[in-house]
Amino acid sequence: MEKNAKRIVERFGLIPHPEGGHFREVYRAPLHTAHPGIPAGHDNRRSAGTLIYFLLAGAEFSAFHRVRWSDEIWHLYAGGPLELHTIGLRGDYAKHVLTTDLGSGEPTAVVPAGALQAARLAPAAAWAFGGCTVAPGFDFADFAMPPRAELLAAHARHAAIIRELTR
């Protein structure tokens, strides 16, 4: 791992994330809400919002995953650019490039609840340090990382990017 990225991991106490990269939860709202979008049979009580720090470095990537019932907002604080790849509920693909160069791009992007998402560094970027805000708050019960074969069967027209950003 590159020296600056290693310092960020140490400084902010980041740990490996199941989807790839490193993270640490830094905020969980004390206010709780009953989430109306969660189907019957599931615990629908969620924190109103959560925030994590997130780092990708070198060849690391965040594999395609979804947060079933909450929107996620990605923020880029330093490094990058960062590519955020999404496949929406209707199967539409988009690539968002997050940058700290405000003259050429934006530092945030929103992923709607249930959409597939994956992230990686843009070419020539050594690392990217940012955060993800989830509302209603993140719960691992809402997290899904479908296997590559399932994603390819459902989204064959996006096979190239699915192969690149799954394990």
C-alpha atoms as a PDB file:
ATOM      1  CA  MET A   1       0.000   0.000   0.000  1.00  0.00           C
ATOM      2  CA  GLU A   2       1.243   3.485  -0.903  1.00  0.00           C
ATOM      3  CA  LYS A   3       2.749   5.520   1.986  1.00  0.00           C
ATOM      4  CA  ASN A   4       0.048   8.229   2.127  1.00  0.00           C
ATOM      5  CA  ALA A   5      -2.720   5.621   2.038  1.00  0.00           C
ATOM      6  CA  LYS A   6      -1.033   3.660   4.826  1.00  0.00           C
ATOM      7  CA  ARG A   7      -0.898   6.827   6.943  1.00  0.00           C
ATOM      8  CA  ILE A   8      -4.632   7.413   6.387  1.00  0.00           C
ATOM      9  CA  VAL A   9      -5.431   3.823   7.431  1.00  0.00           C
ATOM     10  CA  GLU A  10      -3.406   4.275  10.608  1.00  0.00           C
ATOM     11  CA  ARG A  11      -4.573   7.835  11.398  1.00  0.00           C
ATOM     12  CA  PHE A  12      -8.273   7.025  11.065  1.00  0.00           C
ATOM     13  CA  GLY A  13      -8.179   3.433  12.358  1.00  0.00           C
ATOM     14  CA  LEU A  14      -9.560   1.927   9.155  1.00  0.00           C
ATOM     15  CA  ILE A  15     -10.104  -1.817   8.836  1.00  0.00           C
ATOM     16  CA  PRO A  16     -10.708  -4.038   5.769  1.00  0.00           C
ATOM     17  CA  HIS A  17     -14.254  -3.848   4.358  1.00  0.00           C
ATOM     18  CA  PRO A  18     -16.001  -7.023   3.060  1.00  0.00           C
ATOM     19  CA  GLU A  19     -16.579  -5.351  -0.349  1.00  0.00           C
ATOM     20  CA  GLY A  20     -12.899  -4.245  -0.599  1.00  0.00           C
ATOM     21  CA  GLY A  21     -10.951  -1.235   0.601  1.00  0.00           C
ATOM     22  CA  HIS A  22     -10.804  -0.020   4.189  1.00  0.00           C
ATOM     23  CA  PHE A  23     -13.404   1.701   6.379  1.00  0.00           C
ATOM     24  CA  ARG A  24     -14.495   2.842   9.810  1.00  0.00           C
ATOM     25  CA  GLU A  25     -17.921   3.953  10.955  1.00  0.00           C
ATOM     26  CA  VAL A  26     -17.618   7.461  12.398  1.00  0.00           C
ATOM     27  CA  TYR A  27     -21.247   8.390  12.988  1.00  0.00           C
ATOM     28  CA  ARG A  28     -24.510   6.617  13.754  1.00  0.00           C
ATOM     29  CA  ALA A  29     -27.481   8.872  14.487  1.00  0.00           C
ATOM     30  CA  PRO A  30     -29.010   8.256  17.898  1.00  0.00           C
ATOM     31  CA  LEU A  31     -32.459   8.919  16.418  1.00  0.00           C
ATOM     32  CA  HIS A  32     -34.106   5.724  15.176  1.00  0.00           C
ATOM     33  CA  THR A  33     -36.924   5.383  12.711  1.00  0.00           C
ATOM     34  CA  ALA A  34     -39.210   2.666  11.430  1.00  0.00           C
ATOM     35  CA  HIS A  35     -38.164   2.301   7.791  1.00  0.00           C
ATOM     36  CA  PRO A  36     -41.350   1.986   5.689  1.00  0.00           C
ATOM     37  CA  GLY A  37     -39.506   0.455   2.708  1.00  0.00           C
ATOM     38  CA  ILE A  38     -38.434  -2.697   4.533  1.00  0.00           C
ATOM     39  CA  PRO A  39     -40.806  -5.609   3.858  1.00  0.00           C
ATOM     40  CA  ALA A  40     -42.788  -7.336   6.597  1.00  0.00           C
ATOM     41  CA  GLY A  41     -40.837 -10.046   8.345  1.00  0.00           C
ATOM     42  CA  HIS A  42     -37.668  -7.946   8.582  1.00  0.00           C
ATOM     43  CA  ASP A  43     -36.700  -5.695  11.476  1.00  0.00           C
ATOM     44  CA  ASN A  44     -37.488  -2.232  10.093  1.00  0.00           C
ATOM     45  CA  ARG A  45     -35.934  -0.145  12.893  1.00  0.00           C
ATOM     46  CA  ARG A  46     -32.932   1.813  11.574  1.00  0.00           C
ATOM     47  CA  SER A  47     -30.761   4.651  12.707  1.00  0.00           C
ATOM     48  CA  ALA A  48     -31.757   7.844  10.889  1.00  0.00           C
ATOM     49  CA  GLY A  49     -28.314   8.008   9.255  1.00  0.00           C
ATOM     50  CA  THR A  50     -24.752   6.719   9.303  1.00  0.00           C
ATOM     51  CA  LEU A  51     -21.351   7.851   7.999  1.00  0.00           C
ATOM     52  CA  ILE A  52     -18.219   5.855   7.311  1.00  0.00           C
ATOM     53  CA  TYR A  53     -14.755   6.840   6.170  1.00  0.00           C
ATOM     54  CA  PHE A  54     -13.661   4.764   3.181  1.00  0.00           C
ATOM     55  CA  LEU A  55     -10.295   4.323   1.460  1.00  0.00           C
ATOM     56  CA  LEU A  56      -9.273   2.602  -1.750  1.00  0.00           C
ATOM     57  CA  ALA A  57      -5.578   2.289  -2.595  1.00  0.00           C
ATOM     58  CA  GLY A  58      -3.622   0.711  -5.446  1.00  0.00           C
ATOM     59  CA  ALA A  59      -5.516  -2.123  -7.109  1.00  0.00           C
ATOM     60  CA  GLU A  60      -8.224  -2.294  -4.407  1.00  0.00           C
ATOM     61  CA  PHE A  61     -11.828  -1.916  -5.476  1.00  0.00           C
ATOM     62  CA  SER A  62     -15.245  -1.962  -3.888  1.00  0.00           C
ATOM     63  CA  ALA A  63     -16.991  -4.954  -5.486  1.00  0.00           C
ATOM     64  CA  PHE A  64     -20.521  -4.665  -6.823  1.00  0.00           C
ATOM     65  CA  HIS A  65     -22.974  -4.658  -3.932  1.00  0.00           C
ATOM     66  CA  ARG A  66     -26.233  -3.032  -2.930  1.00  0.00           C
ATOM     67  CA  VAL A  67     -27.784  -1.453   0.119  1.00  0.00           C
ATOM     68  CA  ARG A  68     -31.313  -2.756  -0.257  1.00  0.00           C
ATOM     69  CA  TRP A  69     -33.494  -0.108   1.362  1.00  0.00           C
ATOM     70  CA  SER A  70     -31.383   3.028   1.893  1.00  0.00           C
ATOM     71  CA  ASP A  71     -29.791   5.665  -0.318  1.00  0.00           C
ATOM     72  CA  GLU A  72     -26.014   6.044  -0.155  1.00  0.00           C
ATOM     73  CA  ILE A  73     -24.102   9.257  -0.783  1.00  0.00           C
ATOM     74  CA  TRP A  74     -20.412   8.952  -1.660  1.00  0.00           C
ATOM     75  CA  HIS A  75     -18.065  11.842  -0.808  1.00  0.00           C
ATOM     76  CA  LEU A  76     -14.435  12.261  -1.902  1.00  0.00           C
ATOM     77  CA  TYR A  77     -12.229  14.145   0.563  1.00  0.00           C
ATOM     78  CA  ALA A  78      -8.703  13.637  -0.790  1.00  0.00           C
ATOM     79  CA  GLY A  79      -6.804  11.749  -3.486  1.00  0.00           C
ATOM     80  CA  GLY A  80      -8.603  10.217  -6.415  1.00  0.00           C
ATOM     81  CA  PRO A  81     -10.324  10.644  -8.773  1.00  0.00           C
ATOM     82  CA  LEU A  82     -12.636   7.800  -7.877  1.00  0.00           C
ATOM     83  CA  GLU A  83     -14.923   5.964 -10.298  1.00  0.00           C
ATOM     84  CA  LEU A  84     -18.327   4.960  -8.931  1.00  0.00           C
ATOM     85  CA  HIS A  85     -20.128   2.451 -11.158  1.00  0.00           C
ATOM     86  CA  THR A  86     -23.855   1.847 -10.746  1.00  0.00           C
ATOM     87  CA  ILE A  87     -26.479  -0.434 -12.237  1.00  0.00           C
ATOM     88  CA  GLY A  88     -29.941   0.874 -11.420  1.00  0.00           C
ATOM     89  CA  LEU A  89     -33.116  -1.021 -10.661  1.00  0.00           C
ATOM     90  CA  ARG A  90     -34.055  -0.970 -14.383  1.00  0.00           C
ATOM     91  CA  GLY A  91     -30.614  -2.254 -15.413  1.00  0.00           C
ATOM     92  CA  ASP A  92     -29.242   1.113 -16.547  1.00  0.00           C
ATOM     93  CA  TYR A  93     -25.463   1.513 -16.120  1.00  0.00           C
ATOM     94  CA  ALA A  94     -23.711   4.762 -15.173  1.00  0.00           C
ATOM     95  CA  LYS A  95     -20.187   5.800 -14.269  1.00  0.00           C
ATOM     96  CA  HIS A  96     -19.708   8.787 -11.945  1.00  0.00           C
ATOM     97  CA  VAL A  97     -16.224  10.230 -11.472  1.00  0.00           C
ATOM     98  CA  LEU A  98     -15.724  11.845  -8.078  1.00  0.00           C
ATOM     99  CA  THR A  99     -12.929  14.392  -7.900  1.00  0.00           C
ATOM    100  CA  THR A 100     -11.555  17.033  -5.586  1.00  0.00           C
ATOM    101  CA  ASP A 101     -10.814  19.172  -8.669  1.00  0.00           C
ATOM    102  CA  LEU A 102     -13.995  21.203  -8.461  1.00  0.00           C
ATOM    103  CA  GLY A 103     -13.310  22.832 -11.819  1.00  0.00           C
ATOM    104  CA  SER A 104     -13.713  19.532 -13.641  1.00  0.00           C
ATOM    105  CA  GLY A 105     -16.138  17.462 -11.616  1.00  0.00           C
ATOM    106  CA  GLU A 106     -18.009  16.888  -8.389  1.00  0.00           C
ATOM    107  CA  PRO A 107     -16.964  15.401  -5.045  1.00  0.00           C
ATOM    108  CA  THR A 108     -20.248  13.540  -4.401  1.00  0.00           C
ATOM    109  CA  ALA A 109     -22.624  11.071  -6.034  1.00  0.00           C
ATOM    110  CA  VAL A 110     -25.870   9.474  -4.860  1.00  0.00           C
ATOM    111  CA  VAL A 111     -26.693   5.782  -5.227  1.00  0.00           C
ATOM    112  CA  PRO A 112     -30.445   5.141  -4.840  1.00  0.00           C
ATOM    113  CA  ALA A 113     -31.647   2.362  -2.538  1.00  0.00           C
ATOM    114  CA  GLY A 114     -31.354  -1.070  -4.135  1.00  0.00           C
ATOM    115  CA  ALA A 115     -29.044  -0.047  -6.988  1.00  0.00           C
ATOM    116  CA  LEU A 116     -25.861  -2.008  -7.538  1.00  0.00           C
ATOM    117  CA  GLN A 117     -22.681  -0.051  -6.900  1.00  0.00           C
ATOM    118  CA  ALA A 118     -18.942  -0.599  -7.170  1.00  0.00           C
ATOM    119  CA  ALA A 119     -15.962   1.729  -6.979  1.00  0.00           C
ATOM    120  CA  ARG A 120     -12.358   1.821  -8.078  1.00  0.00           C
ATOM    121  CA  LEU A 121      -9.630   4.361  -8.570  1.00  0.00           C
ATOM    122  CA  ALA A 122      -9.538   6.266 -11.831  1.00  0.00           C
ATOM    123  CA  PRO A 123      -6.447   5.578 -13.976  1.00  0.00           C
ATOM    124  CA  ALA A 124      -3.257   7.063 -12.493  1.00  0.00           C
ATOM    125  CA  ALA A 125      -4.823   7.608  -9.042  1.00  0.00           C
ATOM    126  CA  ALA A 126      -2.817   6.053  -6.198  1.00  0.00           C
ATOM    127  CA  TRP A 127      -5.526   6.286  -3.537  1.00  0.00           C
ATOM    128  CA  ALA A 128      -8.844   7.935  -2.689  1.00  0.00           C
ATOM    129  CA  PHE A 129     -10.121   8.830   0.788  1.00  0.00           C
ATOM    130  CA  GLY A 130     -13.765   9.625   1.216  1.00  0.00           C
ATOM    131  CA  GLY A 131     -16.900   8.759   3.039  1.00  0.00           C
ATOM    132  CA  CYS A 132     -20.303   7.222   2.563  1.00  0.00           C
ATOM    133  CA  THR A 133     -23.456   8.567   4.180  1.00  0.00           C
ATOM    134  CA  VAL A 134     -26.444   6.221   4.303  1.00  0.00           C
ATOM    135  CA  ALA A 135     -30.008   7.275   5.106  1.00  0.00           C
ATOM    136  CA  PRO A 136     -31.841   5.653   6.750  1.00  0.00           C
ATOM    137  CA  GLY A 137     -28.692   4.357   8.439  1.00  0.00           C
ATOM    138  CA  PHE A 138     -26.668   1.418   7.227  1.00  0.00           C
ATOM    139  CA  ASP A 139     -27.290  -2.027   8.659  1.00  0.00           C
ATOM    140  CA  PHE A 140     -25.400  -5.094   7.420  1.00  0.00           C
ATOM    141  CA  ALA A 141     -28.803  -6.861   7.255  1.00  0.00           C
ATOM    142  CA  ASP A 142     -29.524  -4.579   4.261  1.00  0.00           C
ATOM    143  CA  PHE A 143     -26.188  -5.278   2.518  1.00  0.00           C
ATOM    144  CA  ALA A 144     -25.961  -7.749  -0.370  1.00  0.00           C
ATOM    145  CA  MET A 145     -22.972  -8.622  -2.536  1.00  0.00           C
ATOM    146  CA  PRO A 146     -24.365 -10.922  -5.235  1.00  0.00           C
ATOM    147  CA  PRO A 147     -21.976 -13.424  -6.812  1.00  0.00           C
ATOM    148  CA  ARG A 148     -20.539 -12.655 -10.247  1.00  0.00           C
ATOM    149  CA  ALA A 149     -22.581 -15.401 -11.957  1.00  0.00           C
ATOM    150  CA  GLU A 150     -25.850 -13.963 -10.611  1.00  0.00           C
ATOM    151  CA  LEU A 151     -24.947 -10.447 -11.776  1.00  0.00           C
ATOM    152  CA  LEU A 152     -23.890 -11.681 -15.225  1.00  0.00           C
ATOM    153  CA  ALA A 153     -27.163 -13.583 -15.621  1.00  0.00           C
ATOM    154  CA  ALA A 154     -29.206 -10.526 -14.644  1.00  0.00           C
ATOM    155  CA  HIS A 155     -27.145  -7.872 -16.469  1.00  0.00           C
ATOM    156  CA  ALA A 156     -25.410  -9.586 -19.395  1.00  0.00           C
ATOM    157  CA  ARG A 157     -25.075  -6.334 -21.350  1.00  0.00           C
ATOM    158  CA  HIS A 158     -22.807  -4.998 -18.566  1.00  0.00           C
ATOM    159  CA  ALA A 159     -20.641  -8.137 -18.457  1.00  0.00           C
ATOM    160  CA  ALA A 160     -17.289  -6.358 -18.941  1.00  0.00           C
ATOM    161  CA  ILE A 161     -17.637  -4.024 -15.947  1.00  0.00           C
ATOM    162  CA  ILE A 162     -19.196  -6.780 -13.809  1.00  0.00           C
ATOM    163  CA  ARG A 163     -16.188  -9.028 -14.494  1.00  0.00           C
ATOM    164  CA  GLU A 164     -13.804  -6.189 -13.608  1.00  0.00           C
ATOM    165  CA  LEU A 165     -15.529  -5.277 -10.337  1.00  0.00           C
ATOM    166  CA  THR A 166     -16.477  -8.615  -8.798  1.00  0.00           C
ATOM    167  CA  ARG A 167     -14.388 -11.337  -7.182  1.00  0.00           C
END
